[in-house]
Amino acid sequence: MQTARDTVGPDVELMVDAGGSDAYWPHGYKWALRTAQMLAAYDVVWFEEALPPTTWLATSNCAAIRRFPSPPAKC
């Protein structure tokens, strides 16, 4: 993320798609929370699919990790 931020500068919006819709997604809520906190340090404005949309955590804890303007199904 540091390389991306350094390359584009502070005036460009960075967005990340974590790929959480993959059926074999190995990460969970704690990973999503840590990653969201790390991404916030680089002024990332969009963090998509941090959790699979089919898990109950994706709907119940999405607001807790969402620090970005992301729709509920894509948090």
N, C-alpha and C. Protein backbone atom coordinates (compact mmCIF):
# COMPACT_ATOMS: atom_id res chain seq x y z
N MET A 1 0.82 -1.18 0.00
CA MET A 1 0.00 0.00 0.00
C MET A 1 0.87 1.25 0.00
N GLN A 2 1.97 1.18 0.71
CA GLN A 2 2.85 2.35 0.74
C GLN A 2 3.37 2.67 -0.67
N THR A 3 3.73 1.66 -1.42
CA THR A 3 4.21 1.88 -2.79
C THR A 3 3.12 2.50 -3.65
N ALA A 4 1.90 1.99 -3.52
CA ALA A 4 0.78 2.55 -4.29
C ALA A 4 0.54 4.00 -3.91
N ARG A 5 0.51 4.29 -2.61
CA ARG A 5 0.27 5.66 -2.16
C ARG A 5 1.39 6.59 -2.64
N ASP A 6 2.64 6.14 -2.52
CA ASP A 6 3.78 6.96 -2.96
C ASP A 6 3.73 7.20 -4.46
N THR A 7 3.30 6.20 -5.22
CA THR A 7 3.27 6.31 -6.67
C THR A 7 2.21 7.29 -7.16
N VAL A 8 1.00 7.20 -6.60
CA VAL A 8 -0.09 8.04 -7.11
C VAL A 8 -0.22 9.37 -6.37
N GLY A 9 0.37 9.46 -5.20
CA GLY A 9 0.30 10.70 -4.45
C GLY A 9 -0.97 10.81 -3.62
N PRO A 10 -1.07 11.90 -2.84
CA PRO A 10 -2.19 12.03 -1.89
C PRO A 10 -3.52 12.46 -2.52
N ASP A 11 -3.51 12.89 -3.76
CA ASP A 11 -4.73 13.41 -4.38
C ASP A 11 -5.51 12.37 -5.18
N VAL A 12 -5.03 11.13 -5.20
CA VAL A 12 -5.70 10.05 -5.93
C VAL A 12 -6.34 9.11 -4.93
N GLU A 13 -7.59 8.71 -5.19
CA GLU A 13 -8.29 7.78 -4.31
C GLU A 13 -7.82 6.35 -4.57
N LEU A 14 -7.44 5.65 -3.51
CA LEU A 14 -7.07 4.24 -3.59
C LEU A 14 -8.25 3.38 -3.17
N MET A 15 -8.48 2.29 -3.91
CA MET A 15 -9.56 1.36 -3.62
C MET A 15 -9.00 -0.05 -3.64
N VAL A 16 -9.50 -0.91 -2.74
CA VAL A 16 -9.01 -2.28 -2.62
C VAL A 16 -10.18 -3.25 -2.70
N ASP A 17 -10.04 -4.27 -3.54
CA ASP A 17 -11.00 -5.36 -3.59
C ASP A 17 -10.31 -6.58 -3.01
N ALA A 18 -10.75 -7.01 -1.84
CA ALA A 18 -10.10 -8.12 -1.15
C ALA A 18 -10.47 -9.48 -1.73
N GLY A 19 -11.52 -9.55 -2.50
CA GLY A 19 -11.90 -10.81 -3.12
C GLY A 19 -12.62 -11.77 -2.20
N GLY A 20 -13.30 -11.26 -1.20
CA GLY A 20 -13.99 -12.10 -0.22
C GLY A 20 -15.14 -12.89 -0.75
N SER A 21 -15.52 -12.71 -2.01
CA SER A 21 -16.63 -13.49 -2.55
C SER A 21 -16.18 -14.88 -3.01
N ASP A 22 -14.90 -15.14 -3.01
CA ASP A 22 -14.36 -16.44 -3.40
C ASP A 22 -14.86 -17.51 -2.42
N ALA A 23 -15.30 -18.62 -2.95
CA ALA A 23 -15.83 -19.70 -2.11
C ALA A 23 -14.78 -20.28 -1.16
N TYR A 24 -13.52 -20.11 -1.48
CA TYR A 24 -12.45 -20.67 -0.66
C TYR A 24 -11.70 -19.58 0.12
N TRP A 25 -12.38 -18.48 0.41
CA TRP A 25 -11.78 -17.35 1.12
C TRP A 25 -11.34 -17.80 2.51
N PRO A 26 -10.03 -17.69 2.83
CA PRO A 26 -9.53 -18.22 4.10
C PRO A 26 -9.61 -17.24 5.27
N HIS A 27 -9.92 -15.98 5.01
CA HIS A 27 -9.84 -14.96 6.05
C HIS A 27 -11.18 -14.74 6.74
N GLY A 28 -11.12 -14.21 7.95
CA GLY A 28 -12.32 -13.98 8.73
C GLY A 28 -12.42 -12.55 9.21
N TYR A 29 -13.27 -12.36 10.19
CA TYR A 29 -13.57 -11.03 10.71
C TYR A 29 -12.33 -10.32 11.27
N LYS A 30 -11.51 -11.03 12.04
CA LYS A 30 -10.33 -10.38 12.62
C LYS A 30 -9.37 -9.89 11.54
N TRP A 31 -9.20 -10.68 10.49
CA TRP A 31 -8.36 -10.25 9.37
C TRP A 31 -8.96 -9.00 8.72
N ALA A 32 -10.27 -9.02 8.50
CA ALA A 32 -10.93 -7.88 7.87
C ALA A 32 -10.77 -6.62 8.71
N LEU A 33 -10.90 -6.75 10.00
CA LEU A 33 -10.75 -5.60 10.90
C LEU A 33 -9.32 -5.05 10.86
N ARG A 34 -8.34 -5.94 10.99
CA ARG A 34 -6.93 -5.51 10.95
C ARG A 34 -6.59 -4.87 9.60
N THR A 35 -7.08 -5.47 8.53
CA THR A 35 -6.79 -4.95 7.20
C THR A 35 -7.45 -3.60 6.98
N ALA A 36 -8.69 -3.44 7.44
CA ALA A 36 -9.37 -2.15 7.32
C ALA A 36 -8.61 -1.06 8.07
N GLN A 37 -8.10 -1.40 9.24
CA GLN A 37 -7.33 -0.42 10.01
C GLN A 37 -6.03 -0.06 9.30
N MET A 38 -5.38 -1.05 8.71
CA MET A 38 -4.15 -0.80 7.97
C MET A 38 -4.43 0.06 6.75
N LEU A 39 -5.49 -0.25 6.02
CA LEU A 39 -5.82 0.51 4.81
C LEU A 39 -6.18 1.95 5.13
N ALA A 40 -6.82 2.17 6.25
CA ALA A 40 -7.19 3.53 6.65
C ALA A 40 -5.95 4.41 6.81
N ALA A 41 -4.85 3.82 7.22
CA ALA A 41 -3.61 4.58 7.39
C ALA A 41 -3.08 5.10 6.05
N TYR A 42 -3.53 4.50 4.94
CA TYR A 42 -3.10 4.93 3.61
C TYR A 42 -4.19 5.70 2.88
N ASP A 43 -5.21 6.11 3.62
CA ASP A 43 -6.33 6.87 3.06
C ASP A 43 -7.04 6.12 1.93
N VAL A 44 -7.20 4.81 2.08
CA VAL A 44 -7.97 4.03 1.12
C VAL A 44 -9.44 4.40 1.30
N VAL A 45 -10.13 4.68 0.19
CA VAL A 45 -11.51 5.14 0.28
C VAL A 45 -12.53 4.02 0.04
N TRP A 46 -12.08 2.85 -0.40
CA TRP A 46 -13.01 1.76 -0.70
C TRP A 46 -12.34 0.44 -0.39
N PHE A 47 -12.99 -0.39 0.42
CA PHE A 47 -12.49 -1.71 0.77
C PHE A 47 -13.61 -2.69 0.51
N GLU A 48 -13.52 -3.41 -0.59
CA GLU A 48 -14.62 -4.25 -1.05
C GLU A 48 -14.38 -5.72 -0.71
N GLU A 49 -15.43 -6.39 -0.33
CA GLU A 49 -15.44 -7.83 -0.09
C GLU A 49 -14.38 -8.30 0.91
N ALA A 50 -14.36 -7.65 2.04
CA ALA A 50 -13.45 -8.07 3.11
C ALA A 50 -13.90 -9.38 3.75
N LEU A 51 -15.19 -9.66 3.63
CA LEU A 51 -15.78 -10.91 4.15
C LEU A 51 -16.69 -11.49 3.08
N PRO A 52 -16.82 -12.80 3.03
CA PRO A 52 -17.76 -13.39 2.09
C PRO A 52 -19.19 -12.94 2.41
N PRO A 53 -19.98 -12.61 1.41
CA PRO A 53 -21.33 -12.12 1.66
C PRO A 53 -22.27 -13.17 2.24
N THR A 54 -21.90 -14.42 2.19
CA THR A 54 -22.77 -15.48 2.70
C THR A 54 -22.57 -15.79 4.17
N THR A 55 -21.56 -15.23 4.80
CA THR A 55 -21.34 -15.50 6.21
C THR A 55 -22.18 -14.57 7.06
N TRP A 56 -22.59 -15.04 8.23
CA TRP A 56 -23.38 -14.18 9.12
C TRP A 56 -22.54 -13.01 9.59
N LEU A 57 -21.22 -13.18 9.68
CA LEU A 57 -20.36 -12.07 10.10
C LEU A 57 -20.38 -10.94 9.08
N ALA A 58 -20.55 -11.29 7.84
CA ALA A 58 -20.56 -10.27 6.79
C ALA A 58 -21.70 -9.30 6.98
N THR A 59 -22.80 -9.78 7.51
CA THR A 59 -23.93 -8.87 7.72
C THR A 59 -23.97 -8.29 9.12
N SER A 60 -23.58 -9.06 10.12
CA SER A 60 -23.70 -8.57 11.49
C SER A 60 -22.55 -7.67 11.92
N ASN A 61 -21.36 -7.87 11.37
CA ASN A 61 -20.20 -7.09 11.80
C ASN A 61 -19.68 -6.13 10.75
N CYS A 62 -20.35 -6.03 9.65
CA CYS A 62 -19.87 -5.20 8.56
C CYS A 62 -19.69 -3.74 9.00
N ALA A 63 -20.63 -3.24 9.74
CA ALA A 63 -20.54 -1.84 10.18
C ALA A 63 -19.33 -1.61 11.07
N ALA A 64 -18.91 -2.62 11.79
CA ALA A 64 -17.76 -2.47 12.69
C ALA A 64 -16.45 -2.31 11.93
N ILE A 65 -16.35 -2.93 10.75
CA ILE A 65 -15.11 -2.81 9.99
C ILE A 65 -15.19 -1.73 8.92
N ARG A 66 -16.39 -1.28 8.60
CA ARG A 66 -16.54 -0.36 7.49
C ARG A 66 -16.13 1.05 7.90
N ARG A 67 -15.02 1.48 7.40
CA ARG A 67 -14.56 2.85 7.57
C ARG A 67 -14.54 3.54 6.23
N PHE A 68 -15.14 2.87 5.24
CA PHE A 68 -15.11 3.33 3.86
C PHE A 68 -16.53 3.42 3.36
N PRO A 69 -16.79 4.22 2.33
CA PRO A 69 -18.14 4.32 1.78
C PRO A 69 -18.47 3.11 0.92
N SER A 70 -18.80 2.01 1.56
CA SER A 70 -19.03 0.76 0.86
C SER A 70 -20.43 0.25 1.16
N PRO A 71 -21.16 -0.22 0.16
CA PRO A 71 -22.51 -0.76 0.42
C PRO A 71 -22.41 -2.02 1.26
N PRO A 72 -23.44 -2.34 2.05
CA PRO A 72 -23.38 -3.47 2.98
C PRO A 72 -22.97 -4.79 2.35
N ALA A 73 -23.41 -5.09 1.15
CA ALA A 73 -23.06 -6.36 0.52
C ALA A 73 -21.61 -6.40 0.07
N LYS A 74 -20.95 -5.29 0.06
CA LYS A 74 -19.58 -5.23 -0.44
C LYS A 74 -18.58 -4.86 0.63
N CYS A 75 -18.96 -4.85 1.89
CA CYS A 75 -18.03 -4.41 2.92
C CYS A 75 -17.02 -5.47 3.20
